[in-house]
Amino acid sequence: MLLDLSREAQERIRKDTESVDNLAKAKELLEPKGMVVNDANVPAFRKVAQDKIWPGYQKQFPELWEEIVKTEA
């Protein structure tokens, strides 16, 4: 029963979070449900990822690194 309820909750959260495509819509749909919606600072996040995470991936996937870096999100 606990697993079933967990899966149901996960499904509802995924539906609610993936059904929005902008910050205003996210706030409208999610804040009444008790969620805190923050505006992402993507450039700052990307900088931290490049400084802290990318070096490990570069070592792990050297043959694919150039292709990975060219990938746009």
Protein backbone atom coordinates (compact mmCIF):
# COMPACT_ATOMS: atom_id res chain seq x y z
CA MET A 1 0.00 0.00 0.00
CA LEU A 2 2.82 2.40 0.88
CA LEU A 3 4.56 1.76 -2.43
CA ASP A 4 1.31 2.28 -4.33
CA LEU A 5 0.69 5.60 -2.58
CA SER A 6 4.30 6.67 -3.16
CA ARG A 7 4.00 5.93 -6.87
CA GLU A 8 0.70 7.81 -7.05
CA ALA A 9 2.22 10.84 -5.31
CA GLN A 10 5.26 10.72 -7.60
CA GLU A 11 2.98 10.59 -10.64
CA ARG A 12 0.97 13.60 -9.45
CA ILE A 13 4.07 15.65 -8.68
CA ARG A 14 5.62 14.78 -12.04
CA LYS A 15 2.39 15.72 -13.85
CA ASP A 16 2.15 19.03 -12.01
CA THR A 17 5.79 20.01 -12.43
CA GLU A 18 6.10 18.92 -16.06
CA SER A 19 2.84 20.54 -17.16
CA VAL A 20 4.21 24.08 -16.89
CA ASP A 21 6.40 25.82 -19.40
CA ASN A 22 7.11 29.15 -17.72
CA LEU A 23 7.67 30.64 -14.28
CA ALA A 24 4.30 32.41 -14.06
CA LYS A 25 2.39 29.23 -14.88
CA ALA A 26 4.49 27.25 -12.43
CA LYS A 27 3.70 29.70 -9.65
CA GLU A 28 0.00 29.70 -10.54
CA LEU A 29 -0.28 25.91 -10.45
CA LEU A 30 2.23 24.87 -7.82
CA GLU A 31 2.26 27.52 -5.09
CA PRO A 32 -1.37 26.84 -4.06
CA LYS A 33 -0.25 23.25 -3.47
CA GLY A 34 2.42 24.41 -1.04
CA MET A 35 5.43 24.30 -3.36
CA VAL A 36 7.98 27.08 -3.50
CA VAL A 37 8.75 28.09 -7.09
CA ASN A 38 12.05 29.89 -7.70
CA ASP A 39 13.37 31.53 -10.80
CA ALA A 40 16.46 29.65 -11.92
CA ASN A 41 19.72 31.51 -12.45
CA VAL A 42 20.83 29.29 -15.33
CA PRO A 43 24.13 31.09 -16.08
CA ALA A 44 25.22 30.75 -12.43
CA PHE A 45 24.16 27.09 -12.36
CA ARG A 46 26.04 26.42 -15.62
CA LYS A 47 29.19 28.08 -14.22
CA VAL A 48 29.13 25.91 -11.07
CA ALA A 49 28.53 22.81 -13.19
CA GLN A 50 31.42 23.67 -15.50
CA ASP A 51 33.77 24.32 -12.59
CA LYS A 52 32.77 21.46 -10.30
CA ILE A 53 31.12 18.69 -12.35
CA TRP A 54 32.49 18.88 -15.86
CA PRO A 55 36.09 17.95 -14.98
CA GLY A 56 34.93 14.57 -13.65
CA TYR A 57 32.85 13.88 -16.74
CA GLN A 58 35.71 14.98 -18.99
CA LYS A 59 37.93 12.35 -17.35
CA GLN A 60 35.20 9.71 -17.48
CA PHE A 61 34.23 10.32 -21.13
CA PRO A 62 37.30 11.76 -22.89
CA GLU A 63 36.39 10.30 -26.30
CA LEU A 64 32.93 11.93 -26.20
CA TRP A 65 33.85 15.17 -24.46
CA GLU A 66 33.79 17.49 -27.49
CA GLU A 67 30.37 16.19 -28.49
CA ILE A 68 29.05 16.57 -24.92
CA VAL A 69 30.24 20.18 -24.65
CA LYS A 70 28.56 21.11 -27.94
CA THR A 71 25.18 19.84 -26.70
CA GLU A 72 22.74 22.65 -25.94
CA ALA A 73 20.03 22.26 -23.31
